[in-house]
Amino acid sequence: MKKRKNIITVAIDSPAAAGAGTQAKYIAKYYNLLYLDTGKIYRLIGKLKINYQNNFNINVIKKYVDKVNLDILNDKTLLSDEVAKSASLIAKNSRIRKLVKNFQLQCAYNPPKKFSGSVLDGRDITSVIMKDAMFKFYITANLKIRARRRYLEFKKLKKRILYKDVLKSLRNRDNLDRNRVLSPLKKTKDSILINTSKLSKKACFKKIKSIMDKKLKN
């Protein structure tokens, strides 16, 4: 694969609801980078499986992924529980993961020229997709704090849900992410740990920006 030279590459891994997506967006906006929420790709394919059950196969997926417009990843229907469950099954398929990996690599190392580089967040970005990224971060937070954040997000969306159910769901999600056979969530030795438990969104970005600016100036 052809790689653009002299670009900024940022890889972020994190458990669910740790704030990685928010920080990735801040980084993308400030440094003019292409942003990819890699989990949304699996959700997109998960939705495809729901909508085209009878015609769902690897060739259909390949054609679909090859033509993906990143704007479609902002589709709010991708956040539904049904799509999430479908995506979790999709992510276990090694052939689909290979297709998705190729797409992610293109975004990471050959972003459109209007961007100064790329920032990807997910579960296996530092360990599998962007092993040689210029910046590698592992963003995390206390489980109960993450559950509280996700619970408040649901409340804003007018969803009827109990905090204890959100906590249970995240605990199960963590277990699945960290113990799956294919590309489990883990902190690599060269990733910088950022714990957002006691940090505001702006304070967290300020910390990340300080790290990045220091290296970019050198």
C-alpha atoms as a PDB file:
ATOM      1  CA  MET A   1       0.000   0.000   0.000  1.00  0.00           C
ATOM      2  CA  LYS A   2       1.263   3.453  -0.934  1.00  0.00           C
ATOM      3  CA  LYS A   3       1.776   5.703   2.089  1.00  0.00           C
ATOM      4  CA  ARG A   4       1.812   9.493   2.124  1.00  0.00           C
ATOM      5  CA  LYS A   5       5.074  10.861   3.516  1.00  0.00           C
ATOM      6  CA  ASN A   6       5.524  13.443   6.261  1.00  0.00           C
ATOM      7  CA  ILE A   7       2.035  13.191   7.723  1.00  0.00           C
ATOM      8  CA  ILE A   8       0.866  13.191  11.329  1.00  0.00           C
ATOM      9  CA  THR A   9      -0.484   9.796  12.395  1.00  0.00           C
ATOM     10  CA  VAL A  10      -2.335   9.328  15.677  1.00  0.00           C
ATOM     11  CA  ALA A  11      -3.556   5.960  16.988  1.00  0.00           C
ATOM     12  CA  ILE A  12      -5.932   5.743  19.944  1.00  0.00           C
ATOM     13  CA  ASP A  13      -7.274   2.689  21.765  1.00  0.00           C
ATOM     14  CA  SER A  14      -9.743   2.736  24.635  1.00  0.00           C
ATOM     15  CA  PRO A  15     -12.521   0.857  26.386  1.00  0.00           C
ATOM     16  CA  ALA A  16     -16.068   2.081  25.700  1.00  0.00           C
ATOM     17  CA  ALA A  17     -17.157   5.507  27.022  1.00  0.00           C
ATOM     18  CA  ALA A  18     -13.666   6.596  28.090  1.00  0.00           C
ATOM     19  CA  GLY A  19     -13.827   9.742  25.965  1.00  0.00           C
ATOM     20  CA  ALA A  20     -11.504   8.644  23.158  1.00  0.00           C
ATOM     21  CA  GLY A  21     -13.913   9.655  20.407  1.00  0.00           C
ATOM     22  CA  THR A  22     -14.248  13.180  21.772  1.00  0.00           C
ATOM     23  CA  GLN A  23     -10.473  13.575  22.071  1.00  0.00           C
ATOM     24  CA  ALA A  24      -9.921  12.163  18.578  1.00  0.00           C
ATOM     25  CA  LYS A  25     -12.322  14.775  17.177  1.00  0.00           C
ATOM     26  CA  TYR A  26     -10.515  17.564  19.049  1.00  0.00           C
ATOM     27  CA  ILE A  27      -7.174  16.325  17.710  1.00  0.00           C
ATOM     28  CA  ALA A  28      -8.537  16.045  14.166  1.00  0.00           C
ATOM     29  CA  LYS A  29      -9.953  19.570  14.213  1.00  0.00           C
ATOM     30  CA  TYR A  30      -6.886  21.223  15.759  1.00  0.00           C
ATOM     31  CA  TYR A  31      -4.259  19.498  13.593  1.00  0.00           C
ATOM     32  CA  ASN A  32      -6.403  19.197  10.427  1.00  0.00           C
ATOM     33  CA  LEU A  33      -6.443  15.390  10.410  1.00  0.00           C
ATOM     34  CA  LEU A  34      -8.824  12.889   8.887  1.00  0.00           C
ATOM     35  CA  TYR A  35     -10.793  11.285  11.737  1.00  0.00           C
ATOM     36  CA  LEU A  36     -12.052   7.718  11.643  1.00  0.00           C
ATOM     37  CA  ASP A  37     -14.088   6.063  14.371  1.00  0.00           C
ATOM     38  CA  THR A  38     -13.164   2.507  13.402  1.00  0.00           C
ATOM     39  CA  GLY A  39     -15.972   0.903  15.373  1.00  0.00           C
ATOM     40  CA  LYS A  40     -18.503   2.666  13.157  1.00  0.00           C
ATOM     41  CA  ILE A  41     -17.287   0.648  10.154  1.00  0.00           C
ATOM     42  CA  TYR A  42     -18.345  -2.565  11.878  1.00  0.00           C
ATOM     43  CA  ARG A  43     -21.665  -0.979  12.815  1.00  0.00           C
ATOM     44  CA  LEU A  44     -22.169   0.035   9.184  1.00  0.00           C
ATOM     45  CA  ILE A  45     -21.612  -3.539   8.038  1.00  0.00           C
ATOM     46  CA  GLY A  46     -23.792  -4.751  10.918  1.00  0.00           C
ATOM     47  CA  LYS A  47     -26.623  -2.554   9.637  1.00  0.00           C
ATOM     48  CA  LEU A  48     -26.004  -3.867   6.108  1.00  0.00           C
ATOM     49  CA  LYS A  49     -26.466  -7.406   7.426  1.00  0.00           C
ATOM     50  CA  ILE A  50     -29.778  -6.438   9.030  1.00  0.00           C
ATOM     51  CA  ASN A  51     -31.076  -4.718   5.895  1.00  0.00           C
ATOM     52  CA  TYR A  52     -29.872  -7.249   3.330  1.00  0.00           C
ATOM     53  CA  GLN A  53     -30.018 -10.573   5.137  1.00  0.00           C
ATOM     54  CA  ASN A  54     -30.709 -12.671   2.019  1.00  0.00           C
ATOM     55  CA  ASN A  55     -27.996 -11.025  -0.095  1.00  0.00           C
ATOM     56  CA  PHE A  56     -25.384 -10.535   2.621  1.00  0.00           C
ATOM     57  CA  ASN A  57     -22.011 -12.008   1.606  1.00  0.00           C
ATOM     58  CA  ILE A  58     -18.329 -11.086   1.466  1.00  0.00           C
ATOM     59  CA  ASN A  59     -18.541  -9.690  -2.086  1.00  0.00           C
ATOM     60  CA  VAL A  60     -21.415  -7.379  -1.169  1.00  0.00           C
ATOM     61  CA  ILE A  61     -19.470  -6.195   1.868  1.00  0.00           C
ATOM     62  CA  LYS A  62     -16.318  -5.531  -0.206  1.00  0.00           C
ATOM     63  CA  LYS A  63     -18.210  -3.436  -2.769  1.00  0.00           C
ATOM     64  CA  TYR A  64     -19.908  -1.516   0.024  1.00  0.00           C
ATOM     65  CA  VAL A  65     -16.723  -0.834   2.006  1.00  0.00           C
ATOM     66  CA  ASP A  66     -14.834   0.249  -1.134  1.00  0.00           C
ATOM     67  CA  LYS A  67     -17.421   2.975  -1.727  1.00  0.00           C
ATOM     68  CA  VAL A  68     -17.902   4.130   1.882  1.00  0.00           C
ATOM     69  CA  ASN A  69     -18.245   7.881   2.347  1.00  0.00           C
ATOM     70  CA  LEU A  70     -17.035   8.822   5.824  1.00  0.00           C
ATOM     71  CA  ASP A  71     -20.011  11.153   6.286  1.00  0.00           C
ATOM     72  CA  ILE A  72     -22.331   8.143   6.450  1.00  0.00           C
ATOM     73  CA  LEU A  73     -20.602   7.110   9.695  1.00  0.00           C
ATOM     74  CA  ASN A  74     -22.457   9.964  11.418  1.00  0.00           C
ATOM     75  CA  ASP A  75     -25.784   8.229  10.750  1.00  0.00           C
ATOM     76  CA  LYS A  76     -27.519   8.083  14.160  1.00  0.00           C
ATOM     77  CA  THR A  77     -29.195   4.767  13.307  1.00  0.00           C
ATOM     78  CA  LEU A  78     -25.761   3.162  13.728  1.00  0.00           C
ATOM     79  CA  LEU A  79     -26.085   3.784  17.485  1.00  0.00           C
ATOM     80  CA  SER A  80     -29.059   1.441  17.943  1.00  0.00           C
ATOM     81  CA  ASP A  81     -28.757  -1.659  20.141  1.00  0.00           C
ATOM     82  CA  GLU A  82     -29.791  -3.892  17.235  1.00  0.00           C
ATOM     83  CA  VAL A  83     -26.955  -2.577  15.056  1.00  0.00           C
ATOM     84  CA  ALA A  84     -24.488  -2.852  17.960  1.00  0.00           C
ATOM     85  CA  LYS A  85     -25.331  -6.541  18.462  1.00  0.00           C
ATOM     86  CA  SER A  86     -25.023  -7.214  14.742  1.00  0.00           C
ATOM     87  CA  ALA A  87     -21.670  -5.384  14.658  1.00  0.00           C
ATOM     88  CA  SER A  88     -20.285  -7.452  17.542  1.00  0.00           C
ATOM     89  CA  LEU A  89     -20.954 -10.632  15.547  1.00  0.00           C
ATOM     90  CA  ILE A  90     -19.496  -9.120  12.382  1.00  0.00           C
ATOM     91  CA  ALA A  91     -16.275  -8.220  14.197  1.00  0.00           C
ATOM     92  CA  LYS A  92     -15.596 -11.897  14.947  1.00  0.00           C
ATOM     93  CA  ASN A  93     -15.372 -12.764  11.250  1.00  0.00           C
ATOM     94  CA  SER A  94     -11.714 -12.843  10.145  1.00  0.00           C
ATOM     95  CA  ARG A  95     -12.513 -12.245   6.442  1.00  0.00           C
ATOM     96  CA  ILE A  96     -14.587  -9.176   7.248  1.00  0.00           C
ATOM     97  CA  ARG A  97     -11.892  -7.900   9.625  1.00  0.00           C
ATOM     98  CA  LYS A  98      -9.361  -8.168   6.794  1.00  0.00           C
ATOM     99  CA  LEU A  99     -11.555  -6.038   4.513  1.00  0.00           C
ATOM    100  CA  VAL A 100     -12.088  -3.477   7.260  1.00  0.00           C
ATOM    101  CA  LYS A 101      -8.375  -3.436   8.059  1.00  0.00           C
ATOM    102  CA  ASN A 102      -7.523  -2.533   4.456  1.00  0.00           C
ATOM    103  CA  PHE A 103     -10.022   0.339   4.591  1.00  0.00           C
ATOM    104  CA  GLN A 104      -8.602   1.547   7.910  1.00  0.00           C
ATOM    105  CA  LEU A 105      -5.025   1.416   6.592  1.00  0.00           C
ATOM    106  CA  GLN A 106      -5.989   3.580   3.614  1.00  0.00           C
ATOM    107  CA  CYS A 107      -7.552   6.154   5.939  1.00  0.00           C
ATOM    108  CA  ALA A 108      -4.556   6.037   8.276  1.00  0.00           C
ATOM    109  CA  TYR A 109      -1.682   6.236   5.824  1.00  0.00           C
ATOM    110  CA  ASN A 110      -3.148   7.708   2.658  1.00  0.00           C
ATOM    111  CA  PRO A 111      -5.727  10.329   3.732  1.00  0.00           C
ATOM    112  CA  PRO A 112      -6.904  12.903   1.147  1.00  0.00           C
ATOM    113  CA  LYS A 113      -4.297  15.615   0.547  1.00  0.00           C
ATOM    114  CA  LYS A 114      -6.472  18.286   2.165  1.00  0.00           C
ATOM    115  CA  PHE A 115      -5.634  16.618   5.508  1.00  0.00           C
ATOM    116  CA  SER A 116      -2.271  16.866   7.289  1.00  0.00           C
ATOM    117  CA  GLY A 117      -2.590  13.270   8.466  1.00  0.00           C
ATOM    118  CA  SER A 118      -4.977  11.005  10.313  1.00  0.00           C
ATOM    119  CA  VAL A 119      -6.309  10.047  13.721  1.00  0.00           C
ATOM    120  CA  LEU A 120      -8.032   6.696  14.265  1.00  0.00           C
ATOM    121  CA  ASP A 121      -9.639   5.423  17.446  1.00  0.00           C
ATOM    122  CA  GLY A 122     -10.873   1.965  18.306  1.00  0.00           C
ATOM    123  CA  ARG A 123      -9.772  -1.190  20.130  1.00  0.00           C
ATOM    124  CA  ASP A 124      -6.825  -2.464  18.064  1.00  0.00           C
ATOM    125  CA  ILE A 125      -5.412   0.659  16.463  1.00  0.00           C
ATOM    126  CA  THR A 126      -2.113   0.894  18.381  1.00  0.00           C
ATOM    127  CA  SER A 127      -1.592  -2.867  18.438  1.00  0.00           C
ATOM    128  CA  VAL A 128      -2.646  -3.890  14.913  1.00  0.00           C
ATOM    129  CA  ILE A 129      -3.675  -1.123  12.502  1.00  0.00           C
ATOM    130  CA  MET A 130      -1.123   1.648  13.188  1.00  0.00           C
ATOM    131  CA  LYS A 131       1.806   0.017  14.960  1.00  0.00           C
ATOM    132  CA  ASP A 132       4.198   2.710  13.707  1.00  0.00           C
ATOM    133  CA  ALA A 133       1.967   5.737  14.364  1.00  0.00           C
ATOM    134  CA  MET A 134       3.747   8.956  15.285  1.00  0.00           C
ATOM    135  CA  PHE A 135       1.537   9.196  18.396  1.00  0.00           C
ATOM    136  CA  LYS A 136      -0.049   6.300  20.273  1.00  0.00           C
ATOM    137  CA  PHE A 137      -2.469   6.863  23.138  1.00  0.00           C
ATOM    138  CA  TYR A 138      -4.403   4.545  25.409  1.00  0.00           C
ATOM    139  CA  ILE A 139      -7.335   6.501  26.846  1.00  0.00           C
ATOM    140  CA  THR A 140      -9.221   5.027  29.788  1.00  0.00           C
ATOM    141  CA  ALA A 141     -11.307   5.880  32.865  1.00  0.00           C
ATOM    142  CA  ASN A 142     -12.817   4.181  35.896  1.00  0.00           C
ATOM    143  CA  LEU A 143     -15.631   1.786  34.940  1.00  0.00           C
ATOM    144  CA  LYS A 144     -18.232   3.485  37.142  1.00  0.00           C
ATOM    145  CA  ILE A 145     -17.338   6.899  35.745  1.00  0.00           C
ATOM    146  CA  ARG A 146     -17.608   5.586  32.193  1.00  0.00           C
ATOM    147  CA  ALA A 147     -20.984   4.049  33.008  1.00  0.00           C
ATOM    148  CA  ARG A 148     -22.178   7.347  34.468  1.00  0.00           C
ATOM    149  CA  ARG A 149     -21.117   9.213  31.337  1.00  0.00           C
ATOM    150  CA  ARG A 150     -22.873   6.730  29.047  1.00  0.00           C
ATOM    151  CA  TYR A 151     -25.980   6.786  31.261  1.00  0.00           C
ATOM    152  CA  LEU A 152     -26.177  10.598  30.974  1.00  0.00           C
ATOM    153  CA  GLU A 153     -25.749  10.324  27.189  1.00  0.00           C
ATOM    154  CA  PHE A 154     -28.737   7.978  27.043  1.00  0.00           C
ATOM    155  CA  LYS A 155     -30.774  10.317  29.231  1.00  0.00           C
ATOM    156  CA  LYS A 156     -30.112  13.192  26.828  1.00  0.00           C
ATOM    157  CA  LEU A 157     -31.398  10.992  24.017  1.00  0.00           C
ATOM    158  CA  LYS A 158     -34.565  10.401  26.088  1.00  0.00           C
ATOM    159  CA  LYS A 159     -33.805   6.683  26.407  1.00  0.00           C
ATOM    160  CA  ARG A 160     -35.357   4.869  29.356  1.00  0.00           C
ATOM    161  CA  ILE A 161     -32.535   2.969  30.999  1.00  0.00           C
ATOM    162  CA  LEU A 162     -31.178   2.294  34.478  1.00  0.00           C
ATOM    163  CA  TYR A 163     -27.631   3.159  35.530  1.00  0.00           C
ATOM    164  CA  LYS A 164     -27.073  -0.384  36.832  1.00  0.00           C
ATOM    165  CA  ASP A 165     -27.944  -1.769  33.397  1.00  0.00           C
ATOM    166  CA  VAL A 166     -25.471   0.564  31.707  1.00  0.00           C
ATOM    167  CA  LEU A 167     -22.796  -0.474  34.224  1.00  0.00           C
ATOM    168  CA  LYS A 168     -23.477  -4.156  33.574  1.00  0.00           C
ATOM    169  CA  SER A 169     -23.417  -3.618  29.806  1.00  0.00           C
ATOM    170  CA  LEU A 170     -20.062  -1.812  29.895  1.00  0.00           C
ATOM    171  CA  ARG A 171     -18.547  -4.438  32.186  1.00  0.00           C
ATOM    172  CA  ASN A 172     -19.593  -7.139  29.720  1.00  0.00           C
ATOM    173  CA  ARG A 173     -18.316  -5.067  26.790  1.00  0.00           C
ATOM    174  CA  ASP A 174     -14.928  -4.642  28.478  1.00  0.00           C
ATOM    175  CA  ASN A 175     -14.701  -8.371  29.041  1.00  0.00           C
ATOM    176  CA  LEU A 176     -15.504  -9.129  25.402  1.00  0.00           C
ATOM    177  CA  ASP A 177     -13.112  -6.478  24.046  1.00  0.00           C
ATOM    178  CA  ARG A 178     -10.188  -7.607  26.207  1.00  0.00           C
ATOM    179  CA  ASN A 179     -10.642 -11.340  25.809  1.00  0.00           C
ATOM    180  CA  ARG A 180     -11.674 -11.784  22.193  1.00  0.00           C
ATOM    181  CA  VAL A 181      -9.455 -13.992  20.036  1.00  0.00           C
ATOM    182  CA  LEU A 182      -9.076 -11.486  17.181  1.00  0.00           C
ATOM    183  CA  SER A 183      -7.338  -8.185  18.002  1.00  0.00           C
ATOM    184  CA  PRO A 184      -8.196  -7.830  21.712  1.00  0.00           C
ATOM    185  CA  LEU A 185      -8.109  -4.448  23.450  1.00  0.00           C
ATOM    186  CA  LYS A 186      -4.790  -3.919  25.229  1.00  0.00           C
ATOM    187  CA  LYS A 187      -2.342  -1.156  26.040  1.00  0.00           C
ATOM    188  CA  THR A 188       0.868  -1.459  24.049  1.00  0.00           C
ATOM    189  CA  LYS A 189       4.158  -0.654  25.776  1.00  0.00           C
ATOM    190  CA  ASP A 190       4.749   2.381  23.578  1.00  0.00           C
ATOM    191  CA  SER A 191       1.274   3.890  24.079  1.00  0.00           C
ATOM    192  CA  ILE A 192       0.887   6.893  26.364  1.00  0.00           C
ATOM    193  CA  LEU A 193      -1.705   6.299  29.082  1.00  0.00           C
ATOM    194  CA  ILE A 194      -4.314   9.033  29.493  1.00  0.00           C
ATOM    195  CA  ASN A 195      -6.763   8.522  32.369  1.00  0.00           C
ATOM    196  CA  THR A 196      -9.786  10.789  31.940  1.00  0.00           C
ATOM    197  CA  SER A 197     -11.506   9.866  35.233  1.00  0.00           C
ATOM    198  CA  LYS A 198     -10.704  13.205  36.857  1.00  0.00           C
ATOM    199  CA  LEU A 199     -10.136  15.285  33.736  1.00  0.00           C
ATOM    200  CA  SER A 200     -12.569  17.531  31.891  1.00  0.00           C
ATOM    201  CA  LYS A 201     -12.704  17.185  28.103  1.00  0.00           C
ATOM    202  CA  LYS A 202     -10.689  20.381  27.651  1.00  0.00           C
ATOM    203  CA  ALA A 203      -8.111  19.449  30.297  1.00  0.00           C
ATOM    204  CA  CYS A 204      -7.619  16.078  28.635  1.00  0.00           C
ATOM    205  CA  PHE A 205      -7.095  17.647  25.219  1.00  0.00           C
ATOM    206  CA  LYS A 206      -4.667  20.175  26.701  1.00  0.00           C
ATOM    207  CA  LYS A 207      -2.594  17.275  28.063  1.00  0.00           C
ATOM    208  CA  ILE A 208      -2.622  15.450  24.725  1.00  0.00           C
ATOM    209  CA  LYS A 209      -1.840  18.645  22.785  1.00  0.00           C
ATOM    210  CA  SER A 210       1.152  19.340  25.041  1.00  0.00           C
ATOM    211  CA  ILE A 211       2.558  15.876  24.288  1.00  0.00           C
ATOM    212  CA  MET A 212       1.997  16.215  20.543  1.00  0.00           C
ATOM    213  CA  ASP A 213       3.310  19.772  20.228  1.00  0.00           C
ATOM    214  CA  LYS A 214       6.524  18.891  22.048  1.00  0.00           C
ATOM    215  CA  LYS A 215       7.291  16.069  19.625  1.00  0.00           C
ATOM    216  CA  LEU A 216       6.191  17.982  16.515  1.00  0.00           C
ATOM    217  CA  LYS A 217       8.450  20.926  17.379  1.00  0.00           C
ATOM    218  CA  ASN A 218      11.413  18.584  17.770  1.00  0.00           C
END
